[in-house]
């Protein structure tokens, strides 16, 4: 009967608008929840009319859809490990309870923003118990190659702020002026010593002693020196010795003219790089002494012995002081000695249909059959966006739009209630006719 179908349609309208009001109330309640993705109620008509010419009301039904693909505005914070995603992609996280239980690989979940802090055990985690996942770096700060279609290689990021790190010295630059008066007849011929500190593979301070001995001729000037390099870590053993001659022409006077092959030890002089390689106890060290006929490196002028530019790489052992994440997802550890080391890489997770994922508490999502299989990308590569440190993503709720929808929903609900009231009155009239 058509009048009874009107009653069913009115009831369906009440139910559908109640569902829409529920989504609106959820959106408004989470308007200040960072990382919240708003929910939308979609109405669809139900048609039950046949071909007899009599119309039967079918009513309406609703489906709800969480718009996970929408992005909220990013706001700046003062915490280096407050992270947000600008563009496509999700941060991989795991539940702390699963990680600490130690039952194999924890389930990977996804979020677009979170505030991570170091806990007592050094894990980066949120107040709600989410731990940030990433790939561990090698000792040389390189990232190994991992499978991108599985989360098995991801590990909870754990940082030991009390750890030590050092870098061995592999290159030293010698900018030294040797006195031209020491290679003239009648000079004393005394050796000039220059100790240069370097750091070995364990961060210990060692020294290369570079001894410059002039060749004193019977008359005139030789412009020749013997350079001997010894290593304190090897008990003072000679690791390099050379004969060098300086030019004395008007145009290039005082610059290196030649460097002989090593007398007993050391690498051959490379005129292109202007360097020699010596092997200390901790490994090879490249000594840059300057190119031929140039003013860089070793020179011979005036009557003074002057170390003008002694530079080296490497550093002693130092304490980790802070941790930061860059836009490509690399996690850097900073040490009080000035060293910066990559310790993890955070990938971004991408799925074909983000809106098909399962929404869980705390703005966390889980892949499903509707979302499609996930893939792990380097941030900024492929379809993914960037990881933004010192930032959080705001809720995607537009309060003004939600209030407008609420007014429309209220009116629609009242109208459906009026339909039910009218149907009730008409049925009452029908009952009265029978009497």
Protein backbone atom coordinates (compact mmCIF):
# COMPACT_ATOMS: atom_id res chain seq x y z
CA UNK A 1 0.00 0.00 0.00
CA UNK A 2 1.38 3.42 -0.98
CA UNK A 3 0.60 5.08 2.33
CA UNK A 4 2.54 2.48 4.28
CA UNK A 5 5.51 2.90 1.93
CA UNK A 6 5.43 6.60 2.77
CA UNK A 7 5.78 5.67 6.41
CA UNK A 8 8.77 3.44 5.62
CA UNK A 9 10.33 6.21 3.56
CA UNK A 10 9.93 8.65 6.43
CA UNK A 11 11.52 6.24 8.88
CA UNK A 12 14.39 5.68 6.45
CA UNK A 13 14.78 9.44 6.16
CA UNK A 14 14.99 9.77 9.93
CA UNK A 15 17.62 7.04 10.12
CA UNK A 16 19.67 8.47 7.26
CA UNK A 17 19.68 11.99 8.65
CA UNK A 18 20.56 10.63 12.08
CA UNK A 19 23.55 8.94 10.48
CA UNK A 20 24.55 12.18 8.79
CA UNK A 21 24.21 14.05 12.07
CA UNK A 22 26.49 11.48 13.67
CA UNK A 23 29.20 12.14 11.08
CA UNK A 24 28.77 15.90 11.52
CA UNK A 25 29.04 15.62 15.30
CA UNK A 26 32.17 13.46 14.95
CA UNK A 27 33.74 15.98 12.57
CA UNK A 28 32.98 18.94 14.81
CA UNK A 29 34.19 17.11 17.92
CA UNK A 30 37.52 16.43 16.15
CA UNK A 31 37.94 19.86 14.59
CA UNK A 32 41.03 20.39 16.76
CA UNK A 33 42.33 16.81 16.51
CA UNK A 34 45.58 16.89 14.56
CA UNK A 35 45.65 14.42 11.71
CA UNK A 36 41.89 13.79 11.85
CA UNK A 37 40.25 12.94 8.51
CA UNK A 38 36.63 13.99 8.26
CA UNK A 39 33.77 11.58 7.55
CA UNK A 40 31.18 12.21 4.86
CA UNK A 41 27.67 10.69 4.67
CA UNK A 42 26.45 9.88 1.15
CA UNK A 43 22.69 9.54 0.48
CA UNK A 44 21.39 7.17 -2.19
CA UNK A 45 17.77 6.66 -3.28
CA UNK A 46 16.00 3.29 -3.06
CA UNK A 47 13.55 2.66 -5.91
CA UNK A 48 10.86 -0.02 -5.42
CA UNK A 49 8.19 1.17 -7.88
CA UNK A 50 7.01 -1.47 -10.30
CA UNK A 51 5.47 -1.20 -13.79
CA UNK A 52 1.84 -1.25 -12.61
CA UNK A 53 1.58 2.52 -12.55
CA UNK A 54 1.21 2.68 -8.77
CA UNK A 55 4.07 4.54 -7.12
CA UNK A 56 5.66 3.03 -4.03
CA UNK A 57 8.11 5.05 -1.97
CA UNK A 58 11.48 3.35 -1.67
CA UNK A 59 13.11 5.72 0.79
CA UNK A 60 16.79 6.47 1.23
CA UNK A 61 19.87 4.89 2.67
CA UNK A 62 23.29 6.24 3.60
CA UNK A 63 26.87 5.15 3.31
CA UNK A 64 29.71 6.78 5.21
CA UNK A 65 33.19 7.39 3.81
CA UNK A 66 36.25 8.68 5.66
CA UNK A 67 38.15 11.03 3.32
CA UNK A 68 41.66 9.89 4.22
CA UNK A 69 43.11 11.34 1.01
CA UNK A 70 42.27 14.90 2.10
CA UNK A 71 45.09 16.96 3.64
CA UNK A 72 44.85 19.44 6.47
CA UNK A 73 46.94 22.57 6.84
CA UNK A 74 50.42 22.19 8.35
CA UNK A 75 51.29 24.13 11.48
CA UNK A 76 54.80 24.75 12.81
CA UNK A 77 55.96 23.37 16.15
CA UNK A 78 59.22 23.55 18.13
CA UNK A 79 59.89 19.80 18.30
CA UNK A 80 62.26 18.38 15.67
CA UNK A 81 60.47 15.01 15.72
CA UNK A 82 56.99 16.41 15.20
CA UNK A 83 56.41 15.05 11.72
CA UNK A 84 53.81 15.61 9.01
CA UNK A 85 53.50 14.57 5.38
CA UNK A 86 53.19 17.26 2.72
CA UNK A 87 51.44 15.56 -0.20
CA UNK A 88 50.77 11.88 -0.78
CA UNK A 89 52.00 9.20 1.59
CA UNK A 90 51.84 7.99 5.17
CA UNK A 91 54.34 7.53 8.00
CA UNK A 92 54.80 3.88 9.05
CA UNK A 93 54.13 3.24 12.75
CA UNK A 94 53.58 0.29 15.07
CA UNK A 95 51.86 -0.21 18.40
CA UNK A 96 54.33 0.02 21.29
CA UNK A 97 52.66 -2.93 23.02
CA UNK A 98 53.43 -5.17 20.03
CA UNK A 99 57.02 -3.95 19.75
CA UNK A 100 57.82 -4.40 23.44
CA UNK A 101 56.17 -7.83 23.50
CA UNK A 102 58.87 -9.01 21.08
CA UNK A 103 56.62 -11.36 19.14
CA UNK A 104 58.30 -10.99 15.76
CA UNK A 105 57.54 -8.23 13.28
CA UNK A 106 54.85 -5.88 14.60
CA UNK A 107 51.86 -4.95 12.45
CA UNK A 108 52.52 -1.82 10.39
CA UNK A 109 49.96 0.97 10.62
CA UNK A 110 49.97 4.37 8.93
CA UNK A 111 49.42 7.97 9.93
CA UNK A 112 49.93 11.35 8.27
CA UNK A 113 51.21 13.21 11.32
CA UNK A 114 52.37 12.54 14.87
CA UNK A 115 54.43 14.02 17.68
CA UNK A 116 57.25 11.60 18.46
CA UNK A 117 59.36 11.84 21.60
CA UNK A 118 62.14 9.68 23.01
CA UNK A 119 60.97 7.33 25.74
CA UNK A 120 63.10 5.82 28.51
CA UNK A 121 64.43 3.14 26.16
CA UNK A 122 65.25 5.53 23.33
CA UNK A 123 62.29 4.71 21.08
CA UNK A 124 60.59 7.50 19.13
CA UNK A 125 56.95 7.15 20.18
CA UNK A 126 53.80 9.17 20.70
CA UNK A 127 51.80 9.65 23.89
CA UNK A 128 49.20 7.27 22.45
CA UNK A 129 51.77 4.47 22.12
CA UNK A 130 52.72 4.61 18.43
CA UNK A 131 56.35 3.91 17.53
CA UNK A 132 57.92 5.31 14.37
CA UNK A 133 59.33 2.71 11.96
CA UNK A 134 62.28 3.04 9.58
CA UNK A 135 65.21 1.30 7.92
CA UNK A 136 68.48 1.22 9.92
CA UNK A 137 71.55 2.74 8.27
CA UNK A 138 74.96 1.12 7.95
CA UNK A 139 77.92 2.30 10.03
CA UNK A 140 79.02 4.53 7.12
CA UNK A 141 75.57 6.24 7.04
CA UNK A 142 74.51 4.49 3.83
CA UNK A 143 71.06 2.88 3.62
CA UNK A 144 70.99 -0.80 2.56
CA UNK A 145 68.64 -2.00 -0.16
CA UNK A 146 65.39 -3.37 1.28
CA UNK A 147 62.25 -4.88 -0.25
CA UNK A 148 59.65 -2.17 -0.81
CA UNK A 149 56.48 -4.30 -0.87
CA UNK A 150 56.80 -5.61 2.67
CA UNK A 151 57.20 -4.09 6.12
CA UNK A 152 59.38 -6.95 7.38
CA UNK A 153 62.58 -4.87 7.08
CA UNK A 154 61.18 -1.90 9.02
CA UNK A 155 62.37 -1.51 12.60
CA UNK A 156 61.20 0.72 15.46
CA UNK A 157 63.52 3.72 15.51
CA UNK A 158 65.58 3.49 18.69
CA UNK A 159 68.18 6.12 19.51
CA UNK A 160 70.78 5.99 22.27
CA UNK A 161 71.51 9.60 23.15
CA UNK A 162 74.47 8.50 25.28
CA UNK A 163 76.26 6.77 22.42
CA UNK A 164 79.71 7.81 21.21
CA UNK A 165 80.77 8.25 17.61
CA UNK A 166 84.03 9.24 15.95
CA UNK A 167 85.31 9.66 12.42
CA UNK A 168 88.86 8.65 11.40
CA UNK A 169 91.10 11.14 9.64
CA UNK A 170 91.57 10.30 5.98
CA UNK A 171 92.81 13.62 4.58
CA UNK A 172 95.23 16.29 5.79
CA UNK A 173 96.21 19.52 4.03
CA UNK A 174 99.69 20.92 4.68
CA UNK A 175 100.07 24.60 3.93
CA UNK A 176 103.60 25.34 5.17
CA UNK A 177 106.24 27.89 4.20
CA UNK A 178 109.83 26.67 4.50
CA UNK A 179 112.64 29.23 4.97
CA UNK A 180 114.62 29.71 1.76
CA UNK A 181 117.67 30.73 3.82
CA UNK A 182 118.04 27.18 5.20
CA UNK A 183 119.05 25.71 1.81
CA UNK A 184 121.89 28.19 1.20
CA UNK A 185 125.55 27.50 1.86
CA UNK A 186 126.51 27.99 5.49
CA UNK A 187 123.05 27.23 6.94
CA UNK A 188 122.76 25.03 10.00
CA UNK A 189 120.95 22.19 8.20
CA UNK A 190 118.76 21.49 11.25
CA UNK A 191 115.53 19.67 10.65
CA UNK A 192 112.25 21.54 11.12
CA UNK A 193 109.54 19.40 12.77
CA UNK A 194 105.80 19.82 12.36
CA UNK A 195 103.55 17.51 14.42
CA UNK A 196 100.03 17.14 12.96
CA UNK A 197 97.23 15.55 14.99
CA UNK A 198 94.95 12.96 13.43
CA UNK A 199 92.23 10.61 14.74
CA UNK A 200 92.42 6.87 14.32
CA UNK A 201 89.59 4.41 13.73
CA UNK A 202 88.71 4.38 17.44
CA UNK A 203 88.59 8.16 17.79
CA UNK A 204 91.93 8.36 19.59
CA UNK A 205 94.25 11.30 19.05
CA UNK A 206 97.50 10.37 17.30
CA UNK A 207 100.13 12.43 15.49
CA UNK A 208 102.04 12.45 12.26
CA UNK A 209 105.39 14.15 12.66
CA UNK A 210 106.49 15.79 9.41
CA UNK A 211 110.22 16.56 9.48
CA UNK A 212 111.70 18.93 6.88
CA UNK A 213 115.51 18.61 6.53
CA UNK A 214 117.23 21.08 4.18
CA UNK A 215 120.02 20.08 1.82
CA UNK A 216 122.88 22.53 2.48
CA UNK A 217 125.29 22.87 -0.51
CA UNK A 218 128.92 23.88 -0.40
CA UNK A 219 128.03 27.05 -2.29
CA UNK A 220 124.91 28.76 -3.57
CA UNK A 221 121.40 27.41 -2.84
CA UNK A 222 120.05 23.91 -3.33
CA UNK A 223 116.31 24.67 -2.83
CA UNK A 224 116.03 21.01 -1.82
CA UNK A 225 114.44 19.41 1.24
CA UNK A 226 114.00 15.87 2.51
CA UNK A 227 110.56 15.27 4.00
CA UNK A 228 110.18 12.40 6.48
CA UNK A 229 106.79 11.43 7.93
CA UNK A 230 106.53 9.29 11.07
CA UNK A 231 103.47 7.92 12.86
CA UNK A 232 103.11 8.00 16.65
CA UNK A 233 100.59 5.15 16.55
CA UNK A 234 103.24 2.96 14.88
CA UNK A 235 105.90 3.72 17.48
CA UNK A 236 107.45 6.50 15.42
CA UNK A 237 107.94 4.35 12.33
CA UNK A 238 108.63 6.13 9.04
CA UNK A 239 105.57 5.91 6.76
CA UNK A 240 106.73 8.29 4.05
CA UNK A 241 109.92 10.05 2.92
CA UNK A 242 110.46 12.23 -0.15
CA UNK A 243 112.85 14.70 -1.72
CA UNK A 244 111.24 17.95 -2.83
CA UNK A 245 112.79 20.77 -4.85
CA UNK A 246 111.47 24.33 -5.08
CA UNK A 247 111.60 26.54 -8.15
CA UNK A 248 113.79 29.66 -8.09
CA UNK A 249 112.85 31.32 -11.39
CA UNK A 250 111.44 34.86 -11.43
CA UNK A 251 107.94 33.76 -12.39
CA UNK A 252 107.39 30.81 -10.02
CA UNK A 253 110.05 31.28 -7.38
CA UNK A 254 109.28 29.51 -4.13
CA UNK A 255 106.75 27.03 -5.54
CA UNK A 256 107.11 23.26 -5.76
CA UNK A 257 109.16 22.22 -8.78
CA UNK A 258 109.37 18.47 -8.21
CA UNK A 259 108.53 15.74 -5.71
CA UNK A 260 110.59 12.57 -5.98
CA UNK A 261 109.29 9.04 -5.67
CA UNK A 262 109.34 7.81 -2.06
CA UNK A 263 112.81 6.96 -0.86
CA UNK A 264 111.72 3.96 1.24
CA UNK A 265 107.98 4.23 2.01
CA UNK A 266 104.84 6.16 1.13
CA UNK A 267 102.71 6.59 -1.95
CA UNK A 268 103.75 8.25 -5.19
CA UNK A 269 103.10 11.97 -5.58
CA UNK A 270 100.00 12.76 -7.67
CA UNK A 271 100.66 16.03 -9.55
CA UNK A 272 97.00 16.44 -10.52
CA UNK A 273 95.68 16.24 -6.95
CA UNK A 274 98.88 17.64 -5.48
CA UNK A 275 98.91 14.91 -2.83
CA UNK A 276 100.63 11.80 -1.54
CA UNK A 277 99.11 8.89 0.36
CA UNK A 278 100.76 7.46 3.48
CA UNK A 279 99.52 4.49 5.47
CA UNK A 280 99.22 5.17 9.19
CA UNK A 281 98.34 2.56 11.81
CA UNK A 282 94.63 3.30 11.37
CA UNK A 283 94.66 3.29 7.57
CA UNK A 284 95.65 5.43 4.59
CA UNK A 285 95.76 9.22 4.89
CA UNK A 286 95.97 11.55 1.90
CA UNK A 287 98.41 14.43 2.49
CA UNK A 288 97.81 17.38 0.20
CA UNK A 289 101.06 19.34 -0.25
CA UNK A 290 100.03 21.36 -3.33
CA UNK A 291 100.36 21.16 -7.09
CA UNK A 292 103.57 21.98 -8.91
CA UNK A 293 104.27 25.67 -9.59
CA UNK A 294 101.30 26.86 -7.53
CA UNK A 295 101.17 28.79 -4.27
CA UNK A 296 98.99 26.31 -2.43
CA UNK A 297 100.50 23.76 -0.08
CA UNK A 298 104.27 23.82 0.48
CA UNK A 299 106.27 26.92 -0.46
CA UNK A 300 109.83 28.14 0.15
CA UNK A 301 110.12 31.86 0.69
CA UNK A 302 111.74 34.35 3.08
CA UNK A 303 113.50 33.16 6.23
CA UNK A 304 110.57 31.95 8.36
CA UNK A 305 109.14 28.51 9.03
CA UNK A 306 105.39 29.11 9.06
CA UNK A 307 102.59 26.50 9.20
CA UNK A 308 99.97 28.62 7.44
CA UNK A 309 97.16 26.17 6.79
CA UNK A 310 96.92 22.80 8.56
CA UNK A 311 93.50 21.24 7.95
CA UNK A 312 92.15 17.73 8.42
CA UNK A 313 88.92 15.78 8.48
CA UNK A 314 87.80 13.34 11.15
CA UNK A 315 86.90 13.91 14.78
CA UNK A 316 87.36 12.37 18.20
CA UNK A 317 84.63 10.43 19.99
CA UNK A 318 81.69 12.62 20.97
CA UNK A 319 78.27 12.45 22.60
CA UNK A 320 75.04 12.52 20.61
CA UNK A 321 73.18 15.72 21.40
CA UNK A 322 70.10 15.78 19.16
CA UNK A 323 68.18 14.06 16.40
CA UNK A 324 66.45 15.57 13.36
CA UNK A 325 64.61 14.31 10.28
CA UNK A 326 65.00 15.87 6.84
CA UNK A 327 62.44 16.07 4.01
CA UNK A 328 63.68 12.85 2.41
CA UNK A 329 63.09 10.92 5.62
CA UNK A 330 66.73 10.56 6.70
CA UNK A 331 67.17 10.59 10.48
CA UNK A 332 70.36 12.46 11.45
CA UNK A 333 72.18 12.21 14.76
CA UNK A 334 74.19 15.28 15.79
CA UNK A 335 77.22 15.00 18.07
CA UNK A 336 78.96 17.61 20.22
CA UNK A 337 82.14 17.22 18.14
CA UNK A 338 80.37 18.46 15.02
CA UNK A 339 79.79 15.04 13.46
CA UNK A 340 76.49 14.38 11.71
CA UNK A 341 75.57 10.78 11.01
CA UNK A 342 72.58 9.15 9.27
CA UNK A 343 71.15 6.46 11.54
CA UNK A 344 67.74 5.63 9.97
CA UNK A 345 65.59 6.36 6.95
CA UNK A 346 61.82 6.76 7.25
CA UNK A 347 59.99 5.68 4.08
CA UNK A 348 56.56 6.92 3.03
CA UNK A 349 53.82 4.34 2.49
CA UNK A 350 51.53 4.68 -0.53
CA UNK A 351 48.38 2.74 -1.40
CA UNK A 352 46.27 3.00 -4.60
CA UNK A 353 43.06 3.93 -2.74
CA UNK A 354 43.72 5.68 0.59
CA UNK A 355 40.01 6.16 1.25
CA UNK A 356 39.59 2.39 1.27
CA UNK A 357 41.82 1.90 4.31
CA UNK A 358 40.48 0.89 7.71
CA UNK A 359 40.41 3.80 10.17
CA UNK A 360 41.48 3.05 13.74
CA UNK A 361 41.84 5.07 16.92
CA UNK A 362 44.43 7.85 17.23
CA UNK A 363 44.32 8.85 13.53
CA UNK A 364 45.86 5.55 12.45
CA UNK A 365 44.96 3.60 9.33
CA UNK A 366 45.43 0.03 8.16
CA UNK A 367 45.57 -1.27 4.58
CA UNK A 368 42.63 -3.36 3.38
CA UNK A 369 41.49 -5.18 0.27
CA UNK A 370 39.71 -1.99 -0.86
CA UNK A 371 42.79 0.21 -0.42
CA UNK A 372 45.07 -2.10 -2.40
CA UNK A 373 48.59 -3.28 -1.59
CA UNK A 374 51.03 -0.79 -0.09
CA UNK A 375 54.49 0.18 -1.37
CA UNK A 376 57.34 1.84 0.50
CA UNK A 377 58.87 4.86 -1.24
CA UNK A 378 61.71 7.21 -0.41
CA UNK A 379 60.08 10.48 0.60
CA UNK A 380 59.89 12.77 -2.43
CA UNK A 381 60.19 9.92 -4.94
CA UNK A 382 57.45 8.47 -7.12
CA UNK A 383 53.95 9.62 -6.13
CA UNK A 384 54.86 10.50 -2.56
CA UNK A 385 55.35 13.91 -1.01
CA UNK A 386 57.83 15.07 1.62
CA UNK A 387 58.26 14.57 5.32
CA UNK A 388 58.10 17.88 7.14
CA UNK A 389 59.82 18.11 10.55
CA UNK A 390 58.80 20.68 13.17
CA UNK A 391 55.22 20.41 11.85
CA UNK A 392 51.83 18.82 12.52
CA UNK A 393 48.83 18.41 10.22
CA UNK A 394 45.59 19.98 11.37
CA UNK A 395 42.15 18.38 11.16
CA UNK A 396 40.45 18.44 7.76
CA UNK A 397 37.18 19.54 9.39
CA UNK A 398 35.71 22.86 8.20
CA UNK A 399 33.56 23.88 11.17
CA UNK A 400 31.56 26.47 9.21
CA UNK A 401 30.66 23.93 6.52
CA UNK A 402 29.74 21.34 9.15
CA UNK A 403 27.42 23.80 10.93
CA UNK A 404 25.70 24.55 7.62
CA UNK A 405 25.26 20.81 7.01
CA UNK A 406 23.91 20.40 10.52
CA UNK A 407 21.19 22.99 9.91
CA UNK A 408 20.22 21.24 6.66
CA UNK A 409 20.20 17.88 8.42
CA UNK A 410 18.03 19.21 11.22
CA UNK A 411 15.47 20.55 8.75
CA UNK A 412 15.49 17.33 6.78
CA UNK A 413 15.02 15.31 9.96
CA UNK A 414 12.09 17.51 11.02
CA UNK A 415 10.53 17.17 7.58
CA UNK A 416 10.79 13.38 7.70
CA UNK A 417 9.25 13.41 11.17
CA UNK A 418 6.43 15.52 9.75
CA UNK A 419 5.91 12.91 7.01
CA UNK A 420 5.57 10.19 9.64
CA UNK A 421 3.14 12.34 11.64
CA UNK A 422 1.06 13.00 8.52
CA UNK A 423 1.00 9.30 7.59
CA UNK A 424 -0.10 8.50 11.13
CA UNK A 425 -2.96 11.00 10.88
CA UNK A 426 -4.00 9.61 7.48
CA UNK A 427 -3.99 6.06 8.83
CA UNK A 428 -6.10 7.25 11.72
CA UNK A 429 -8.57 8.74 9.27
CA UNK A 430 -8.67 5.45 7.40
CA UNK A 431 -9.39 3.62 10.64
CA UNK A 432 -12.21 6.07 11.40
CA UNK A 433 -13.79 5.42 7.97
CA UNK A 434 -14.01 1.72 8.79
CA UNK A 435 -15.82 2.52 12.00
